[in-house]
């Protein structure tokens, strides 16, 4: 369902509507993405839509329609969403305003690691010491690997949390990286959703 996909990526939307494209879901025809100026979330979705739509209004609308079959009527600067006899028109933003897209990604050197249950547990424990006053690039959890040991840690300048993973990440060299708070929340959300889907 469309609303389930949007709920998975809405955490990467800006809470402020000063720059409309940063608080909109951007449809490319093959994907939907949300980008707040710092981080982005992308999910595959085949659609005739190629525009940006205001996220909060769209979510509210889809929640009201629930399991109804939706039809989209696309105009130059708007999209009308029809469900039965109901019809609602939303203003749309053109593709020329998109500020992020998978076609703009630049490949960088680095490694990958698995998101294990232990990693999620550590992330949750460390988030206790993350400031919740504001979202910014300086608020989040640090991940550090030295040799065969991997640890997560965070601080809110009052307390410090540290969690050592049961199995360290194996790589060619030591590394340290930072996970912004909003991304931490997204990872925990995605992990829960994917775990439920595996049980079905």
C-alpha atoms as a PDB file:
ATOM      1  CA  UNK A   1       0.000   0.000   0.000  1.00  0.00           C
ATOM      2  CA  UNK A   2       1.125   3.531  -0.741  1.00  0.00           C
ATOM      3  CA  UNK A   3       0.527   4.818   2.777  1.00  0.00           C
ATOM      4  CA  UNK A   4       2.660   2.038   4.280  1.00  0.00           C
ATOM      5  CA  UNK A   5       5.564   3.033   2.035  1.00  0.00           C
ATOM      6  CA  UNK A   6       5.153   6.716   2.881  1.00  0.00           C
ATOM      7  CA  UNK A   7       5.138   5.957   6.603  1.00  0.00           C
ATOM      8  CA  UNK A   8       8.482   4.186   6.193  1.00  0.00           C
ATOM      9  CA  UNK A   9      10.213   7.247   4.749  1.00  0.00           C
ATOM     10  CA  UNK A  10       8.369  10.156   6.406  1.00  0.00           C
ATOM     11  CA  UNK A  11      11.046  10.349   9.097  1.00  0.00           C
ATOM     12  CA  UNK A  12      13.353  11.987   6.553  1.00  0.00           C
ATOM     13  CA  UNK A  13      11.000  14.910   5.962  1.00  0.00           C
ATOM     14  CA  UNK A  14      11.618  18.378   7.353  1.00  0.00           C
ATOM     15  CA  UNK A  15       9.344  19.380  10.230  1.00  0.00           C
ATOM     16  CA  UNK A  16       9.348  22.935   8.926  1.00  0.00           C
ATOM     17  CA  UNK A  17       7.602  24.011   5.746  1.00  0.00           C
ATOM     18  CA  UNK A  18       9.880  26.953   4.935  1.00  0.00           C
ATOM     19  CA  UNK A  19      11.222  25.100   1.905  1.00  0.00           C
ATOM     20  CA  UNK A  20       8.213  23.159   0.517  1.00  0.00           C
ATOM     21  CA  UNK A  21      10.214  20.511  -1.363  1.00  0.00           C
ATOM     22  CA  UNK A  22      11.873  19.424   1.918  1.00  0.00           C
ATOM     23  CA  UNK A  23       8.471  18.677   3.477  1.00  0.00           C
ATOM     24  CA  UNK A  24       7.100  16.915   0.386  1.00  0.00           C
ATOM     25  CA  UNK A  25       7.130  13.361  -0.884  1.00  0.00           C
ATOM     26  CA  UNK A  26       8.876  13.346  -4.265  1.00  0.00           C
ATOM     27  CA  UNK A  27       7.575  10.846  -6.814  1.00  0.00           C
ATOM     28  CA  UNK A  28       9.900   9.965  -9.709  1.00  0.00           C
ATOM     29  CA  UNK A  29       7.758   7.318 -11.389  1.00  0.00           C
ATOM     30  CA  UNK A  30       9.951   4.500 -10.069  1.00  0.00           C
ATOM     31  CA  UNK A  31      10.703   5.713  -6.547  1.00  0.00           C
ATOM     32  CA  UNK A  32       9.448   7.967  -3.787  1.00  0.00           C
ATOM     33  CA  UNK A  33      11.912   9.859  -1.659  1.00  0.00           C
ATOM     34  CA  UNK A  34      11.896  12.211   1.298  1.00  0.00           C
ATOM     35  CA  UNK A  35      14.787  14.593   1.928  1.00  0.00           C
ATOM     36  CA  UNK A  36      15.084  17.137   4.745  1.00  0.00           C
ATOM     37  CA  UNK A  37      18.333  18.744   3.614  1.00  0.00           C
ATOM     38  CA  UNK A  38      20.486  16.391   5.708  1.00  0.00           C
ATOM     39  CA  UNK A  39      19.379  12.834   5.045  1.00  0.00           C
ATOM     40  CA  UNK A  40      17.173  11.065   2.535  1.00  0.00           C
ATOM     41  CA  UNK A  41      15.031   7.937   2.491  1.00  0.00           C
ATOM     42  CA  UNK A  42      14.088   6.262  -0.782  1.00  0.00           C
ATOM     43  CA  UNK A  43      11.609   3.473  -1.489  1.00  0.00           C
ATOM     44  CA  UNK A  44      10.694   1.793  -4.771  1.00  0.00           C
ATOM     45  CA  UNK A  45       7.219   2.549  -6.075  1.00  0.00           C
ATOM     46  CA  UNK A  46       5.885   2.363  -9.618  1.00  0.00           C
ATOM     47  CA  UNK A  47       3.607   5.314 -10.287  1.00  0.00           C
ATOM     48  CA  UNK A  48       2.464   7.680 -12.997  1.00  0.00           C
ATOM     49  CA  UNK A  49       3.303  10.548 -10.669  1.00  0.00           C
ATOM     50  CA  UNK A  50       6.425  12.615 -11.321  1.00  0.00           C
ATOM     51  CA  UNK A  51       6.107  15.496  -8.891  1.00  0.00           C
ATOM     52  CA  UNK A  52       6.320  16.530  -5.255  1.00  0.00           C
ATOM     53  CA  UNK A  53       3.231  16.422  -3.030  1.00  0.00           C
ATOM     54  CA  UNK A  54       2.823  17.987   0.457  1.00  0.00           C
ATOM     55  CA  UNK A  55       3.558  15.148   2.851  1.00  0.00           C
ATOM     56  CA  UNK A  56       1.309  15.951   5.787  1.00  0.00           C
ATOM     57  CA  UNK A  57      -1.746  16.612   3.631  1.00  0.00           C
ATOM     58  CA  UNK A  58      -1.144  13.482   1.562  1.00  0.00           C
ATOM     59  CA  UNK A  59      -0.767  11.259   4.636  1.00  0.00           C
ATOM     60  CA  UNK A  60      -3.899  12.720   6.214  1.00  0.00           C
ATOM     61  CA  UNK A  61      -5.824  12.165   2.992  1.00  0.00           C
ATOM     62  CA  UNK A  62      -4.669   8.567   2.515  1.00  0.00           C
ATOM     63  CA  UNK A  63      -5.406   7.738   6.151  1.00  0.00           C
ATOM     64  CA  UNK A  64      -8.980   8.909   5.623  1.00  0.00           C
ATOM     65  CA  UNK A  65      -9.408   6.835   2.474  1.00  0.00           C
ATOM     66  CA  UNK A  66      -8.055   3.698   4.189  1.00  0.00           C
ATOM     67  CA  UNK A  67      -8.526   0.685   1.872  1.00  0.00           C
ATOM     68  CA  UNK A  68     -10.232   2.584  -0.947  1.00  0.00           C
ATOM     69  CA  UNK A  69      -9.030   2.285  -4.531  1.00  0.00           C
ATOM     70  CA  UNK A  70      -7.385   5.555  -5.500  1.00  0.00           C
ATOM     71  CA  UNK A  71      -7.162   7.264  -8.858  1.00  0.00           C
ATOM     72  CA  UNK A  72      -4.841  10.152  -9.658  1.00  0.00           C
ATOM     73  CA  UNK A  73      -5.689  12.960 -12.075  1.00  0.00           C
ATOM     74  CA  UNK A  74      -2.488  14.786 -12.952  1.00  0.00           C
ATOM     75  CA  UNK A  75      -2.448  18.430 -14.021  1.00  0.00           C
ATOM     76  CA  UNK A  76       0.429  20.843 -14.530  1.00  0.00           C
ATOM     77  CA  UNK A  77       0.537  22.253 -10.979  1.00  0.00           C
ATOM     78  CA  UNK A  78      -1.759  19.916  -9.090  1.00  0.00           C
ATOM     79  CA  UNK A  79      -2.833  16.320  -8.550  1.00  0.00           C
ATOM     80  CA  UNK A  80      -6.430  15.341  -7.841  1.00  0.00           C
ATOM     81  CA  UNK A  81      -6.925  12.164  -5.801  1.00  0.00           C
ATOM     82  CA  UNK A  82     -10.233  10.381  -6.312  1.00  0.00           C
ATOM     83  CA  UNK A  83     -11.784   7.694  -4.160  1.00  0.00           C
ATOM     84  CA  UNK A  84     -15.339   6.791  -5.088  1.00  0.00           C
ATOM     85  CA  UNK A  85     -17.312  10.033  -5.180  1.00  0.00           C
ATOM     86  CA  UNK A  86     -14.702  11.896  -3.148  1.00  0.00           C
ATOM     87  CA  UNK A  87     -12.110  14.064  -4.885  1.00  0.00           C
ATOM     88  CA  UNK A  88      -9.347  16.185  -3.339  1.00  0.00           C
ATOM     89  CA  UNK A  89      -6.856  18.355  -5.175  1.00  0.00           C
ATOM     90  CA  UNK A  90      -3.299  18.901  -3.909  1.00  0.00           C
ATOM     91  CA  UNK A  91      -0.797  21.437  -5.207  1.00  0.00           C
ATOM     92  CA  UNK A  92       2.230  19.757  -6.772  1.00  0.00           C
ATOM     93  CA  UNK A  93       5.872  20.722  -7.204  1.00  0.00           C
ATOM     94  CA  UNK A  94       7.720  20.097 -10.463  1.00  0.00           C
ATOM     95  CA  UNK A  95      10.681  17.758 -10.909  1.00  0.00           C
ATOM     96  CA  UNK A  96      12.940  20.758 -11.510  1.00  0.00           C
ATOM     97  CA  UNK A  97      12.610  21.564  -7.782  1.00  0.00           C
ATOM     98  CA  UNK A  98      13.799  18.124  -6.624  1.00  0.00           C
ATOM     99  CA  UNK A  99      16.998  18.487  -4.602  1.00  0.00           C
ATOM    100  CA  UNK A 100      17.801  14.814  -4.193  1.00  0.00           C
ATOM    101  CA  UNK A 101      17.583  11.681  -6.277  1.00  0.00           C
ATOM    102  CA  UNK A 102      19.346   8.342  -6.605  1.00  0.00           C
ATOM    103  CA  UNK A 103      20.629   9.492 -10.003  1.00  0.00           C
ATOM    104  CA  UNK A 104      22.624  12.186  -8.167  1.00  0.00           C
ATOM    105  CA  UNK A 105      24.379   9.806  -5.771  1.00  0.00           C
ATOM    106  CA  UNK A 106      28.174   9.813  -5.874  1.00  0.00           C
ATOM    107  CA  UNK A 107      29.982   6.554  -5.184  1.00  0.00           C
ATOM    108  CA  UNK A 108      32.426   6.751  -2.294  1.00  0.00           C
ATOM    109  CA  UNK A 109      34.786   4.167  -0.878  1.00  0.00           C
ATOM    110  CA  UNK A 110      33.735   2.483   2.331  1.00  0.00           C
ATOM    111  CA  UNK A 111      32.324  -0.653   3.832  1.00  0.00           C
ATOM    112  CA  UNK A 112      28.946  -2.093   4.715  1.00  0.00           C
ATOM    113  CA  UNK A 113      27.668  -3.957   7.746  1.00  0.00           C
ATOM    114  CA  UNK A 114      24.600  -5.957   8.709  1.00  0.00           C
ATOM    115  CA  UNK A 115      21.856  -4.449  10.856  1.00  0.00           C
ATOM    116  CA  UNK A 116      21.583  -7.184  13.491  1.00  0.00           C
ATOM    117  CA  UNK A 117      19.248  -7.462  16.493  1.00  0.00           C
ATOM    118  CA  UNK A 118      22.250  -6.689  18.692  1.00  0.00           C
ATOM    119  CA  UNK A 119      22.983  -3.517  16.708  1.00  0.00           C
ATOM    120  CA  UNK A 120      19.352  -2.374  17.079  1.00  0.00           C
ATOM    121  CA  UNK A 121      19.493  -3.059  20.829  1.00  0.00           C
ATOM    122  CA  UNK A 122      22.686  -1.013  21.126  1.00  0.00           C
ATOM    123  CA  UNK A 123      21.186   1.814  19.109  1.00  0.00           C
ATOM    124  CA  UNK A 124      18.124   1.936  21.382  1.00  0.00           C
ATOM    125  CA  UNK A 125      20.264   1.944  24.531  1.00  0.00           C
ATOM    126  CA  UNK A 126      22.491   4.731  23.233  1.00  0.00           C
ATOM    127  CA  UNK A 127      19.550   6.879  22.196  1.00  0.00           C
ATOM    128  CA  UNK A 128      18.776   7.327  25.903  1.00  0.00           C
ATOM    129  CA  UNK A 129      21.710   9.750  26.036  1.00  0.00           C
ATOM    130  CA  UNK A 130      20.918  11.583  22.796  1.00  0.00           C
ATOM    131  CA  UNK A 131      19.542  15.099  23.143  1.00  0.00           C
ATOM    132  CA  UNK A 132      15.948  15.353  21.943  1.00  0.00           C
ATOM    133  CA  UNK A 133      15.888  19.151  21.862  1.00  0.00           C
ATOM    134  CA  UNK A 134      16.390  19.364  18.120  1.00  0.00           C
ATOM    135  CA  UNK A 135      17.296  17.388  15.037  1.00  0.00           C
ATOM    136  CA  UNK A 136      20.674  18.289  13.640  1.00  0.00           C
ATOM    137  CA  UNK A 137      23.797  16.702  12.241  1.00  0.00           C
ATOM    138  CA  UNK A 138      25.408  16.999  15.693  1.00  0.00           C
ATOM    139  CA  UNK A 139      22.765  14.922  17.497  1.00  0.00           C
ATOM    140  CA  UNK A 140      22.962  11.142  17.165  1.00  0.00           C
ATOM    141  CA  UNK A 141      24.997   8.007  17.852  1.00  0.00           C
ATOM    142  CA  UNK A 142      28.645   7.370  17.000  1.00  0.00           C
ATOM    143  CA  UNK A 143      29.769   3.957  15.770  1.00  0.00           C
ATOM    144  CA  UNK A 144      33.427   3.010  16.053  1.00  0.00           C
ATOM    145  CA  UNK A 145      35.349  -0.113  15.112  1.00  0.00           C
ATOM    146  CA  UNK A 146      38.832  -0.914  16.390  1.00  0.00           C
ATOM    147  CA  UNK A 147      40.257  -4.270  15.428  1.00  0.00           C
ATOM    148  CA  UNK A 148      37.528  -6.837  16.092  1.00  0.00           C
ATOM    149  CA  UNK A 149      35.610  -4.637  18.547  1.00  0.00           C
ATOM    150  CA  UNK A 150      32.698  -2.413  17.544  1.00  0.00           C
ATOM    151  CA  UNK A 151      31.036   0.003  19.928  1.00  0.00           C
ATOM    152  CA  UNK A 152      28.240   2.548  19.834  1.00  0.00           C
ATOM    153  CA  UNK A 153      28.211   5.597  22.045  1.00  0.00           C
ATOM    154  CA  UNK A 154      26.390   8.880  22.554  1.00  0.00           C
ATOM    155  CA  UNK A 155      26.176  11.826  24.922  1.00  0.00           C
ATOM    156  CA  UNK A 156      23.839  14.720  25.676  1.00  0.00           C
ATOM    157  CA  UNK A 157      26.583  16.541  27.643  1.00  0.00           C
ATOM    158  CA  UNK A 158      25.036  15.245  30.874  1.00  0.00           C
ATOM    159  CA  UNK A 159      25.313  11.479  30.521  1.00  0.00           C
ATOM    160  CA  UNK A 160      27.195   9.074  28.258  1.00  0.00           C
ATOM    161  CA  UNK A 161      25.933   5.754  26.893  1.00  0.00           C
ATOM    162  CA  UNK A 162      28.156   3.048  25.419  1.00  0.00           C
ATOM    163  CA  UNK A 163      27.301  -0.340  23.978  1.00  0.00           C
ATOM    164  CA  UNK A 164      29.801  -2.941  22.752  1.00  0.00           C
ATOM    165  CA  UNK A 165      28.422  -5.238  20.077  1.00  0.00           C
ATOM    166  CA  UNK A 166      28.654  -8.971  20.702  1.00  0.00           C
ATOM    167  CA  UNK A 167      30.219  -9.438  17.274  1.00  0.00           C
ATOM    168  CA  UNK A 168      32.358  -6.643  15.868  1.00  0.00           C
ATOM    169  CA  UNK A 169      32.253  -5.612  12.244  1.00  0.00           C
ATOM    170  CA  UNK A 170      35.052  -7.068  10.167  1.00  0.00           C
ATOM    171  CA  UNK A 171      36.764  -4.740   7.730  1.00  0.00           C
ATOM    172  CA  UNK A 172      40.109  -3.899   6.199  1.00  0.00           C
ATOM    173  CA  UNK A 173      40.672  -0.998   8.580  1.00  0.00           C
ATOM    174  CA  UNK A 174      39.304   0.731  11.672  1.00  0.00           C
ATOM    175  CA  UNK A 175      36.588   3.285  11.143  1.00  0.00           C
ATOM    176  CA  UNK A 176      34.361   5.771  12.931  1.00  0.00           C
ATOM    177  CA  UNK A 177      31.078   7.134  11.669  1.00  0.00           C
ATOM    178  CA  UNK A 178      28.152   9.158  12.971  1.00  0.00           C
ATOM    179  CA  UNK A 179      24.446   8.279  12.692  1.00  0.00           C
ATOM    180  CA  UNK A 180      22.135  11.327  12.997  1.00  0.00           C
ATOM    181  CA  UNK A 181      19.186  10.957  15.368  1.00  0.00           C
ATOM    182  CA  UNK A 182      16.563  10.921  12.628  1.00  0.00           C
ATOM    183  CA  UNK A 183      18.434   8.142  10.828  1.00  0.00           C
ATOM    184  CA  UNK A 184      18.693   6.167  14.085  1.00  0.00           C
ATOM    185  CA  UNK A 185      14.914   6.345  14.403  1.00  0.00           C
ATOM    186  CA  UNK A 186      14.468   5.311  10.770  1.00  0.00           C
ATOM    187  CA  UNK A 187      16.782   2.302  11.137  1.00  0.00           C
ATOM    188  CA  UNK A 188      14.857   1.099  14.205  1.00  0.00           C
ATOM    189  CA  UNK A 189      11.549   1.579  12.380  1.00  0.00           C
ATOM    190  CA  UNK A 190      12.718  -0.270   9.256  1.00  0.00           C
ATOM    191  CA  UNK A 191      14.196  -3.118  11.295  1.00  0.00           C
ATOM    192  CA  UNK A 192      10.852  -3.635  13.043  1.00  0.00           C
ATOM    193  CA  UNK A 193       8.882  -3.579   9.806  1.00  0.00           C
ATOM    194  CA  UNK A 194      11.195  -5.991   7.992  1.00  0.00           C
ATOM    195  CA  UNK A 195      11.238  -8.364  10.969  1.00  0.00           C
ATOM    196  CA  UNK A 196       7.430  -8.511  10.947  1.00  0.00           C
ATOM    197  CA  UNK A 197       7.343  -9.162   7.189  1.00  0.00           C
ATOM    198  CA  UNK A 198       9.780 -12.075   7.590  1.00  0.00           C
ATOM    199  CA  UNK A 199       7.405 -13.752  10.064  1.00  0.00           C
ATOM    200  CA  UNK A 200       4.450 -13.680   7.660  1.00  0.00           C
END
